[in-house]
mmCIF file of all heavy atoms, coordinates in Angstrom:
data_MODEL
# 
_entry.id   MODEL 
# 
loop_
_atom_site.group_PDB 
_atom_site.id 
_atom_site.type_symbol 
_atom_site.label_atom_id 
_atom_site.label_alt_id 
_atom_site.label_comp_id 
_atom_site.label_asym_id 
_atom_site.label_entity_id 
_atom_site.label_seq_id 
_atom_site.pdbx_PDB_ins_code 
_atom_site.Cartn_x 
_atom_site.Cartn_y 
_atom_site.Cartn_z 
_atom_site.occupancy 
_atom_site.B_iso_or_equiv 
_atom_site.pdbx_formal_charge 
_atom_site.auth_seq_id 
_atom_site.auth_comp_id 
_atom_site.auth_asym_id 
_atom_site.auth_atom_id 
_atom_site.pdbx_PDB_model_num 
ATOM 1   N N   . PRO A 1 1  ? 32.853 87.165  65.151 1.00 0.00 ? 1  PRO A N   1 
ATOM 2   C CA  . PRO A 1 1  ? 32.580 87.282  63.748 1.00 0.00 ? 1  PRO A CA  1 
ATOM 3   C C   . PRO A 1 1  ? 31.158 87.896  63.477 1.00 0.00 ? 1  PRO A C   1 
ATOM 4   O O   . PRO A 1 1  ? 30.950 88.378  62.360 1.00 0.00 ? 1  PRO A O   1 
ATOM 5   C CB  . PRO A 1 1  ? 32.680 85.843  63.198 1.00 0.00 ? 1  PRO A CB  1 
ATOM 6   C CG  . PRO A 1 1  ? 32.541 84.958  64.350 1.00 0.00 ? 1  PRO A CG  1 
ATOM 7   C CD  . PRO A 1 1  ? 33.008 85.738  65.540 1.00 0.00 ? 1  PRO A CD  1 
ATOM 8   N N   . ALA A 1 2  ? 30.273 87.904  64.437 1.00 0.00 ? 2  ALA A N   1 
ATOM 9   C CA  . ALA A 1 2  ? 28.968 88.449  64.256 1.00 0.00 ? 2  ALA A CA  1 
ATOM 10  C C   . ALA A 1 2  ? 29.071 89.969  64.456 1.00 0.00 ? 2  ALA A C   1 
ATOM 11  O O   . ALA A 1 2  ? 28.053 90.685  64.267 1.00 0.00 ? 2  ALA A O   1 
ATOM 12  C CB  . ALA A 1 2  ? 28.004 87.881  65.214 1.00 0.00 ? 2  ALA A CB  1 
ATOM 13  N N   . GLN A 1 3  ? 30.205 90.542  64.856 1.00 0.00 ? 3  GLN A N   1 
ATOM 14  C CA  . GLN A 1 3  ? 30.325 91.922  65.057 1.00 0.00 ? 3  GLN A CA  1 
ATOM 15  C C   . GLN A 1 3  ? 31.411 92.573  64.187 1.00 0.00 ? 3  GLN A C   1 
ATOM 16  O O   . GLN A 1 3  ? 31.659 93.729  64.319 1.00 0.00 ? 3  GLN A O   1 
ATOM 17  C CB  . GLN A 1 3  ? 30.720 92.141  66.521 1.00 0.00 ? 3  GLN A CB  1 
ATOM 18  C CG  . GLN A 1 3  ? 29.601 91.779  67.434 1.00 0.00 ? 3  GLN A CG  1 
ATOM 19  C CD  . GLN A 1 3  ? 29.955 91.988  68.896 1.00 0.00 ? 3  GLN A CD  1 
ATOM 20  O OE1 . GLN A 1 3  ? 31.049 91.620  69.319 1.00 0.00 ? 3  GLN A OE1 1 
ATOM 21  N NE2 . GLN A 1 3  ? 29.087 92.593  69.644 1.00 0.00 ? 3  GLN A NE2 1 
ATOM 22  N N   . LEU A 1 4  ? 32.033 91.863  63.314 1.00 0.00 ? 4  LEU A N   1 
ATOM 23  C CA  . LEU A 1 4  ? 33.199 92.414  62.530 1.00 0.00 ? 4  LEU A CA  1 
ATOM 24  C C   . LEU A 1 4  ? 32.761 92.359  61.074 1.00 0.00 ? 4  LEU A C   1 
ATOM 25  O O   . LEU A 1 4  ? 32.402 91.328  60.505 1.00 0.00 ? 4  LEU A O   1 
ATOM 26  C CB  . LEU A 1 4  ? 34.396 91.596  62.745 1.00 0.00 ? 4  LEU A CB  1 
ATOM 27  C CG  . LEU A 1 4  ? 35.675 92.113  62.113 1.00 0.00 ? 4  LEU A CG  1 
ATOM 28  C CD1 . LEU A 1 4  ? 36.047 93.542  62.580 1.00 0.00 ? 4  LEU A CD1 1 
ATOM 29  C CD2 . LEU A 1 4  ? 36.821 91.133  62.442 1.00 0.00 ? 4  LEU A CD2 1 
ATOM 30  N N   . ILE A 1 5  ? 32.867 93.477  60.371 1.00 0.00 ? 5  ILE A N   1 
ATOM 31  C CA  . ILE A 1 5  ? 32.427 93.676  58.987 1.00 0.00 ? 5  ILE A CA  1 
ATOM 32  C C   . ILE A 1 5  ? 33.680 94.033  58.120 1.00 0.00 ? 5  ILE A C   1 
ATOM 33  O O   . ILE A 1 5  ? 34.476 94.888  58.493 1.00 0.00 ? 5  ILE A O   1 
ATOM 34  C CB  . ILE A 1 5  ? 31.428 94.850  58.812 1.00 0.00 ? 5  ILE A CB  1 
ATOM 35  C CG1 . ILE A 1 5  ? 30.224 94.538  59.770 1.00 0.00 ? 5  ILE A CG1 1 
ATOM 36  C CG2 . ILE A 1 5  ? 30.989 95.003  57.422 1.00 0.00 ? 5  ILE A CG2 1 
ATOM 37  C CD1 . ILE A 1 5  ? 29.356 95.760  60.049 1.00 0.00 ? 5  ILE A CD1 1 
ATOM 38  N N   . LEU A 1 6  ? 33.786 93.401  57.014 1.00 0.00 ? 6  LEU A N   1 
ATOM 39  C CA  . LEU A 1 6  ? 34.798 93.754  56.017 1.00 0.00 ? 6  LEU A CA  1 
ATOM 40  C C   . LEU A 1 6  ? 34.072 94.762  55.013 1.00 0.00 ? 6  LEU A C   1 
ATOM 41  O O   . LEU A 1 6  ? 33.170 94.281  54.304 1.00 0.00 ? 6  LEU A O   1 
ATOM 42  C CB  . LEU A 1 6  ? 35.398 92.595  55.274 1.00 0.00 ? 6  LEU A CB  1 
ATOM 43  C CG  . LEU A 1 6  ? 36.554 92.926  54.313 1.00 0.00 ? 6  LEU A CG  1 
ATOM 44  C CD1 . LEU A 1 6  ? 37.711 93.655  55.035 1.00 0.00 ? 6  LEU A CD1 1 
ATOM 45  C CD2 . LEU A 1 6  ? 37.058 91.656  53.642 1.00 0.00 ? 6  LEU A CD2 1 
ATOM 46  N N   . ASP A 1 7  ? 34.463 95.974  54.997 1.00 0.00 ? 7  ASP A N   1 
ATOM 47  C CA  . ASP A 1 7  ? 33.731 97.026  54.276 1.00 0.00 ? 7  ASP A CA  1 
ATOM 48  C C   . ASP A 1 7  ? 34.451 97.335  52.973 1.00 0.00 ? 7  ASP A C   1 
ATOM 49  O O   . ASP A 1 7  ? 35.652 97.123  52.816 1.00 0.00 ? 7  ASP A O   1 
ATOM 50  C CB  . ASP A 1 7  ? 33.659 98.297  55.145 1.00 0.00 ? 7  ASP A CB  1 
ATOM 51  C CG  . ASP A 1 7  ? 32.582 99.255  54.683 1.00 0.00 ? 7  ASP A CG  1 
ATOM 52  O OD1 . ASP A 1 7  ? 31.791 98.889  53.819 1.00 0.00 ? 7  ASP A OD1 1 
ATOM 53  O OD2 . ASP A 1 7  ? 32.520 100.310 55.303 1.00 0.00 ? 7  ASP A OD2 1 
ATOM 54  N N   . HIS A 1 8  ? 33.735 97.890  51.999 1.00 0.00 ? 8  HIS A N   1 
ATOM 55  C CA  . HIS A 1 8  ? 34.211 98.353  50.744 1.00 0.00 ? 8  HIS A CA  1 
ATOM 56  C C   . HIS A 1 8  ? 34.628 97.189  49.855 1.00 0.00 ? 8  HIS A C   1 
ATOM 57  O O   . HIS A 1 8  ? 35.541 97.371  48.974 1.00 0.00 ? 8  HIS A O   1 
ATOM 58  C CB  . HIS A 1 8  ? 35.371 99.351  50.883 1.00 0.00 ? 8  HIS A CB  1 
ATOM 59  C CG  . HIS A 1 8  ? 34.967 100.612 51.616 1.00 0.00 ? 8  HIS A CG  1 
ATOM 60  N ND1 . HIS A 1 8  ? 34.182 101.579 51.060 1.00 0.00 ? 8  HIS A ND1 1 
ATOM 61  C CD2 . HIS A 1 8  ? 35.242 101.004 52.869 1.00 0.00 ? 8  HIS A CD2 1 
ATOM 62  C CE1 . HIS A 1 8  ? 34.046 102.533 51.946 1.00 0.00 ? 8  HIS A CE1 1 
ATOM 63  N NE2 . HIS A 1 8  ? 34.641 102.216 53.081 1.00 0.00 ? 8  HIS A NE2 1 
ATOM 64  N N   . CYS A 1 9  ? 34.072 96.053  49.998 1.00 0.00 ? 9  CYS A N   1 
ATOM 65  C CA  . CYS A 1 9  ? 34.352 94.874  49.183 1.00 0.00 ? 9  CYS A CA  1 
ATOM 66  C C   . CYS A 1 9  ? 34.006 95.183  47.755 1.00 0.00 ? 9  CYS A C   1 
ATOM 67  O O   . CYS A 1 9  ? 32.851 95.436  47.452 1.00 0.00 ? 9  CYS A O   1 
ATOM 68  C CB  . CYS A 1 9  ? 33.608 93.642  49.696 1.00 0.00 ? 9  CYS A CB  1 
ATOM 69  S SG  . CYS A 1 9  ? 34.129 93.130  51.333 1.00 0.00 ? 9  CYS A SG  1 
ATOM 70  N N   . ASP A 1 10 ? 34.942 95.102  46.813 1.00 0.00 ? 10 ASP A N   1 
ATOM 71  C CA  . ASP A 1 10 ? 34.705 95.518  45.463 1.00 0.00 ? 10 ASP A CA  1 
ATOM 72  C C   . ASP A 1 10 ? 34.885 94.402  44.454 1.00 0.00 ? 10 ASP A C   1 
ATOM 73  O O   . ASP A 1 10 ? 34.906 94.593  43.258 1.00 0.00 ? 10 ASP A O   1 
ATOM 74  C CB  . ASP A 1 10 ? 35.615 96.721  45.076 1.00 0.00 ? 10 ASP A CB  1 
ATOM 75  C CG  . ASP A 1 10 ? 37.087 96.374  45.218 1.00 0.00 ? 10 ASP A CG  1 
ATOM 76  O OD1 . ASP A 1 10 ? 37.458 95.181  45.551 1.00 0.00 ? 10 ASP A OD1 1 
ATOM 77  O OD2 . ASP A 1 10 ? 37.930 97.262  44.973 1.00 0.00 ? 10 ASP A OD2 1 
ATOM 78  N N   . GLY A 1 11 ? 34.980 93.156  44.954 1.00 0.00 ? 11 GLY A N   1 
ATOM 79  C CA  . GLY A 1 11 ? 35.104 92.045  44.003 1.00 0.00 ? 11 GLY A CA  1 
ATOM 80  C C   . GLY A 1 11 ? 35.384 90.712  44.731 1.00 0.00 ? 11 GLY A C   1 
ATOM 81  O O   . GLY A 1 11 ? 35.472 90.740  45.952 1.00 0.00 ? 11 GLY A O   1 
ATOM 82  N N   . PRO A 1 12 ? 35.613 89.668  43.972 1.00 0.00 ? 12 PRO A N   1 
ATOM 83  C CA  . PRO A 1 12 ? 35.825 88.337  44.563 1.00 0.00 ? 12 PRO A CA  1 
ATOM 84  C C   . PRO A 1 12 ? 37.106 88.285  45.400 1.00 0.00 ? 12 PRO A C   1 
ATOM 85  O O   . PRO A 1 12 ? 37.155 87.520  46.360 1.00 0.00 ? 12 PRO A O   1 
ATOM 86  C CB  . PRO A 1 12 ? 35.952 87.425  43.380 1.00 0.00 ? 12 PRO A CB  1 
ATOM 87  C CG  . PRO A 1 12 ? 35.682 88.187  42.126 1.00 0.00 ? 12 PRO A CG  1 
ATOM 88  C CD  . PRO A 1 12 ? 35.484 89.618  42.544 1.00 0.00 ? 12 PRO A CD  1 
ATOM 89  N N   . ASP A 1 13 ? 38.139 89.053  45.097 1.00 0.00 ? 13 ASP A N   1 
ATOM 90  C CA  . ASP A 1 13 ? 39.359 89.056  45.887 1.00 0.00 ? 13 ASP A CA  1 
ATOM 91  C C   . ASP A 1 13 ? 39.056 89.460  47.328 1.00 0.00 ? 13 ASP A C   1 
ATOM 92  O O   . ASP A 1 13 ? 39.578 88.911  48.191 1.00 0.00 ? 13 ASP A O   1 
ATOM 93  C CB  . ASP A 1 13 ? 40.456 89.939  45.273 1.00 0.00 ? 13 ASP A CB  1 
ATOM 94  C CG  . ASP A 1 13 ? 41.032 89.390  44.028 1.00 0.00 ? 13 ASP A CG  1 
ATOM 95  O OD1 . ASP A 1 13 ? 40.846 88.183  43.722 1.00 0.00 ? 13 ASP A OD1 1 
ATOM 96  O OD2 . ASP A 1 13 ? 41.640 90.217  43.202 1.00 0.00 ? 13 ASP A OD2 1 
ATOM 97  N N   . ALA A 1 14 ? 38.201 90.524  47.480 1.00 0.00 ? 14 ALA A N   1 
ATOM 98  C CA  . ALA A 1 14 ? 37.853 90.973  48.825 1.00 0.00 ? 14 ALA A CA  1 
ATOM 99  C C   . ALA A 1 14 ? 37.116 89.861  49.585 1.00 0.00 ? 14 ALA A C   1 
ATOM 100 O O   . ALA A 1 14 ? 37.431 89.592  50.737 1.00 0.00 ? 14 ALA A O   1 
ATOM 101 C CB  . ALA A 1 14 ? 36.998 92.229  48.698 1.00 0.00 ? 14 ALA A CB  1 
ATOM 102 N N   . LEU A 1 15 ? 36.208 89.257  48.921 1.00 0.00 ? 15 LEU A N   1 
ATOM 103 C CA  . LEU A 1 15 ? 35.370 88.167  49.581 1.00 0.00 ? 15 LEU A CA  1 
ATOM 104 C C   . LEU A 1 15 ? 36.255 86.972  49.878 1.00 0.00 ? 15 LEU A C   1 
ATOM 105 O O   . LEU A 1 15 ? 36.100 86.374  51.014 1.00 0.00 ? 15 LEU A O   1 
ATOM 106 C CB  . LEU A 1 15 ? 34.230 87.787  48.712 1.00 0.00 ? 15 LEU A CB  1 
ATOM 107 C CG  . LEU A 1 15 ? 33.200 88.980  48.365 1.00 0.00 ? 15 LEU A CG  1 
ATOM 108 C CD1 . LEU A 1 15 ? 32.159 88.512  47.422 1.00 0.00 ? 15 LEU A CD1 1 
ATOM 109 C CD2 . LEU A 1 15 ? 32.642 89.576  49.636 1.00 0.00 ? 15 LEU A CD2 1 
ATOM 110 N N   . ASN A 1 16 ? 37.146 86.631  49.027 1.00 0.00 ? 16 ASN A N   1 
ATOM 111 C CA  . ASN A 1 16 ? 37.998 85.479  49.239 1.00 0.00 ? 16 ASN A CA  1 
ATOM 112 C C   . ASN A 1 16 ? 39.005 85.754  50.424 1.00 0.00 ? 16 ASN A C   1 
ATOM 113 O O   . ASN A 1 16 ? 39.170 84.832  51.304 1.00 0.00 ? 16 ASN A O   1 
ATOM 114 C CB  . ASN A 1 16 ? 38.834 85.158  47.999 1.00 0.00 ? 16 ASN A CB  1 
ATOM 115 C CG  . ASN A 1 16 ? 37.939 84.516  46.886 1.00 0.00 ? 16 ASN A CG  1 
ATOM 116 O OD1 . ASN A 1 16 ? 36.875 83.986  47.185 1.00 0.00 ? 16 ASN A OD1 1 
ATOM 117 N ND2 . ASN A 1 16 ? 38.359 84.661  45.649 1.00 0.00 ? 16 ASN A ND2 1 
ATOM 118 N N   . LEU A 1 17 ? 39.642 86.879  50.403 1.00 0.00 ? 17 LEU A N   1 
ATOM 119 C CA  . LEU A 1 17 ? 40.540 87.205  51.493 1.00 0.00 ? 17 LEU A CA  1 
ATOM 120 C C   . LEU A 1 17 ? 39.789 87.271  52.833 1.00 0.00 ? 17 LEU A C   1 
ATOM 121 O O   . LEU A 1 17 ? 40.204 86.753  53.865 1.00 0.00 ? 17 LEU A O   1 
ATOM 122 C CB  . LEU A 1 17 ? 41.328 88.507  51.240 1.00 0.00 ? 17 LEU A CB  1 
ATOM 123 C CG  . LEU A 1 17 ? 42.278 88.954  52.375 1.00 0.00 ? 17 LEU A CG  1 
ATOM 124 C CD1 . LEU A 1 17 ? 43.348 87.901  52.624 1.00 0.00 ? 17 LEU A CD1 1 
ATOM 125 C CD2 . LEU A 1 17 ? 42.875 90.249  52.081 1.00 0.00 ? 17 LEU A CD2 1 
ATOM 126 N N   . GLY A 1 18 ? 38.607 87.991  52.826 1.00 0.00 ? 18 GLY A N   1 
ATOM 127 C CA  . GLY A 1 18 ? 37.840 88.113  54.058 1.00 0.00 ? 18 GLY A CA  1 
ATOM 128 C C   . GLY A 1 18 ? 37.421 86.767  54.575 1.00 0.00 ? 18 GLY A C   1 
ATOM 129 O O   . GLY A 1 18 ? 37.538 86.520  55.758 1.00 0.00 ? 18 GLY A O   1 
ATOM 130 N N   . THR A 1 19 ? 36.912 85.894  53.696 1.00 0.00 ? 19 THR A N   1 
ATOM 131 C CA  . THR A 1 19 ? 36.465 84.601  54.137 1.00 0.00 ? 19 THR A CA  1 
ATOM 132 C C   . THR A 1 19 ? 37.665 83.799  54.739 1.00 0.00 ? 19 THR A C   1 
ATOM 133 O O   . THR A 1 19 ? 37.516 83.179  55.744 1.00 0.00 ? 19 THR A O   1 
ATOM 134 C CB  . THR A 1 19 ? 35.814 83.845  52.959 1.00 0.00 ? 19 THR A CB  1 
ATOM 135 O OG1 . THR A 1 19 ? 34.757 84.590  52.483 1.00 0.00 ? 19 THR A OG1 1 
ATOM 136 C CG2 . THR A 1 19 ? 35.355 82.506  53.447 1.00 0.00 ? 19 THR A CG2 1 
ATOM 137 N N   . GLY A 1 20 ? 38.818 83.915  54.048 1.00 0.00 ? 20 GLY A N   1 
ATOM 138 C CA  . GLY A 1 20 ? 39.947 83.216  54.577 1.00 0.00 ? 20 GLY A CA  1 
ATOM 139 C C   . GLY A 1 20 ? 40.445 83.685  55.910 1.00 0.00 ? 20 GLY A C   1 
ATOM 140 O O   . GLY A 1 20 ? 40.995 82.941  56.710 1.00 0.00 ? 20 GLY A O   1 
ATOM 141 N N   . LEU A 1 21 ? 40.221 84.956  56.244 1.00 0.00 ? 21 LEU A N   1 
ATOM 142 C CA  . LEU A 1 21 ? 40.545 85.507  57.538 1.00 0.00 ? 21 LEU A CA  1 
ATOM 143 C C   . LEU A 1 21 ? 39.521 85.308  58.599 1.00 0.00 ? 21 LEU A C   1 
ATOM 144 O O   . LEU A 1 21 ? 39.741 85.598  59.729 1.00 0.00 ? 21 LEU A O   1 
ATOM 145 C CB  . LEU A 1 21 ? 40.891 87.004  57.335 1.00 0.00 ? 21 LEU A CB  1 
ATOM 146 C CG  . LEU A 1 21 ? 42.163 87.320  56.628 1.00 0.00 ? 21 LEU A CG  1 
ATOM 147 C CD1 . LEU A 1 21 ? 42.333 88.813  56.379 1.00 0.00 ? 21 LEU A CD1 1 
ATOM 148 C CD2 . LEU A 1 21 ? 43.388 86.842  57.470 1.00 0.00 ? 21 LEU A CD2 1 
ATOM 149 N N   . GLY A 1 22 ? 38.354 84.807  58.211 1.00 0.00 ? 22 GLY A N   1 
ATOM 150 C CA  . GLY A 1 22 ? 37.319 84.566  59.164 1.00 0.00 ? 22 GLY A CA  1 
ATOM 151 C C   . GLY A 1 22 ? 36.140 85.546  59.207 1.00 0.00 ? 22 GLY A C   1 
ATOM 152 O O   . GLY A 1 22 ? 35.252 85.435  60.048 1.00 0.00 ? 22 GLY A O   1 
ATOM 153 N N   . PHE A 1 23 ? 36.140 86.487  58.298 1.00 0.00 ? 23 PHE A N   1 
ATOM 154 C CA  . PHE A 1 23 ? 34.993 87.374  58.229 1.00 0.00 ? 23 PHE A CA  1 
ATOM 155 C C   . PHE A 1 23 ? 33.761 86.666  57.830 1.00 0.00 ? 23 PHE A C   1 
ATOM 156 O O   . PHE A 1 23 ? 33.779 85.740  56.962 1.00 0.00 ? 23 PHE A O   1 
ATOM 157 C CB  . PHE A 1 23 ? 35.235 88.520  57.206 1.00 0.00 ? 23 PHE A CB  1 
ATOM 158 C CG  . PHE A 1 23 ? 36.125 89.565  57.681 1.00 0.00 ? 23 PHE A CG  1 
ATOM 159 C CD1 . PHE A 1 23 ? 37.509 89.513  57.452 1.00 0.00 ? 23 PHE A CD1 1 
ATOM 160 C CD2 . PHE A 1 23 ? 35.691 90.690  58.334 1.00 0.00 ? 23 PHE A CD2 1 
ATOM 161 C CE1 . PHE A 1 23 ? 38.353 90.506  57.893 1.00 0.00 ? 23 PHE A CE1 1 
ATOM 162 C CE2 . PHE A 1 23 ? 36.522 91.717  58.774 1.00 0.00 ? 23 PHE A CE2 1 
ATOM 163 C CZ  . PHE A 1 23 ? 37.900 91.603  58.490 1.00 0.00 ? 23 PHE A CZ  1 
ATOM 164 N N   . ARG A 1 24 ? 32.586 87.034  58.378 1.00 0.00 ? 24 ARG A N   1 
ATOM 165 C CA  . ARG A 1 24 ? 31.336 86.516  57.948 1.00 0.00 ? 24 ARG A CA  1 
ATOM 166 C C   . ARG A 1 24 ? 30.411 87.614  57.495 1.00 0.00 ? 24 ARG A C   1 
ATOM 167 O O   . ARG A 1 24 ? 29.407 87.333  56.900 1.00 0.00 ? 24 ARG A O   1 
ATOM 168 C CB  . ARG A 1 24 ? 30.653 85.782  59.119 1.00 0.00 ? 24 ARG A CB  1 
ATOM 169 C CG  . ARG A 1 24 ? 31.294 84.452  59.439 1.00 0.00 ? 24 ARG A CG  1 
ATOM 170 C CD  . ARG A 1 24 ? 30.292 83.592  60.208 1.00 0.00 ? 24 ARG A CD  1 
ATOM 171 N NE  . ARG A 1 24 ? 30.996 83.057  61.381 1.00 0.00 ? 24 ARG A NE  1 
ATOM 172 C CZ  . ARG A 1 24 ? 30.439 82.710  62.503 1.00 0.00 ? 24 ARG A CZ  1 
ATOM 173 N NH1 . ARG A 1 24 ? 29.132 82.905  62.656 1.00 0.00 ? 24 ARG A NH1 1 
ATOM 174 N NH2 . ARG A 1 24 ? 31.134 82.208  63.479 1.00 0.00 ? 24 ARG A NH2 1 
ATOM 175 N N   . LEU A 1 25 ? 30.709 88.889  57.780 1.00 0.00 ? 25 LEU A N   1 
ATOM 176 C CA  . LEU A 1 25 ? 29.922 90.005  57.377 1.00 0.00 ? 25 LEU A CA  1 
ATOM 177 C C   . LEU A 1 25 ? 30.693 90.862  56.383 1.00 0.00 ? 25 LEU A C   1 
ATOM 178 O O   . LEU A 1 25 ? 31.852 91.205  56.668 1.00 0.00 ? 25 LEU A O   1 
ATOM 179 C CB  . LEU A 1 25 ? 29.501 90.803  58.635 1.00 0.00 ? 25 LEU A CB  1 
ATOM 180 C CG  . LEU A 1 25 ? 28.755 90.109  59.669 1.00 0.00 ? 25 LEU A CG  1 
ATOM 181 C CD1 . LEU A 1 25 ? 28.514 91.011  60.888 1.00 0.00 ? 25 LEU A CD1 1 
ATOM 182 C CD2 . LEU A 1 25 ? 27.384 89.651  59.152 1.00 0.00 ? 25 LEU A CD2 1 
# 
């Protein structure tokens, strides 16, 4: 998780899905 980035996050839905999948960046 210290090497994987969820890019182009444009709102809370992106952050919620990413967090739920284990993204930290």
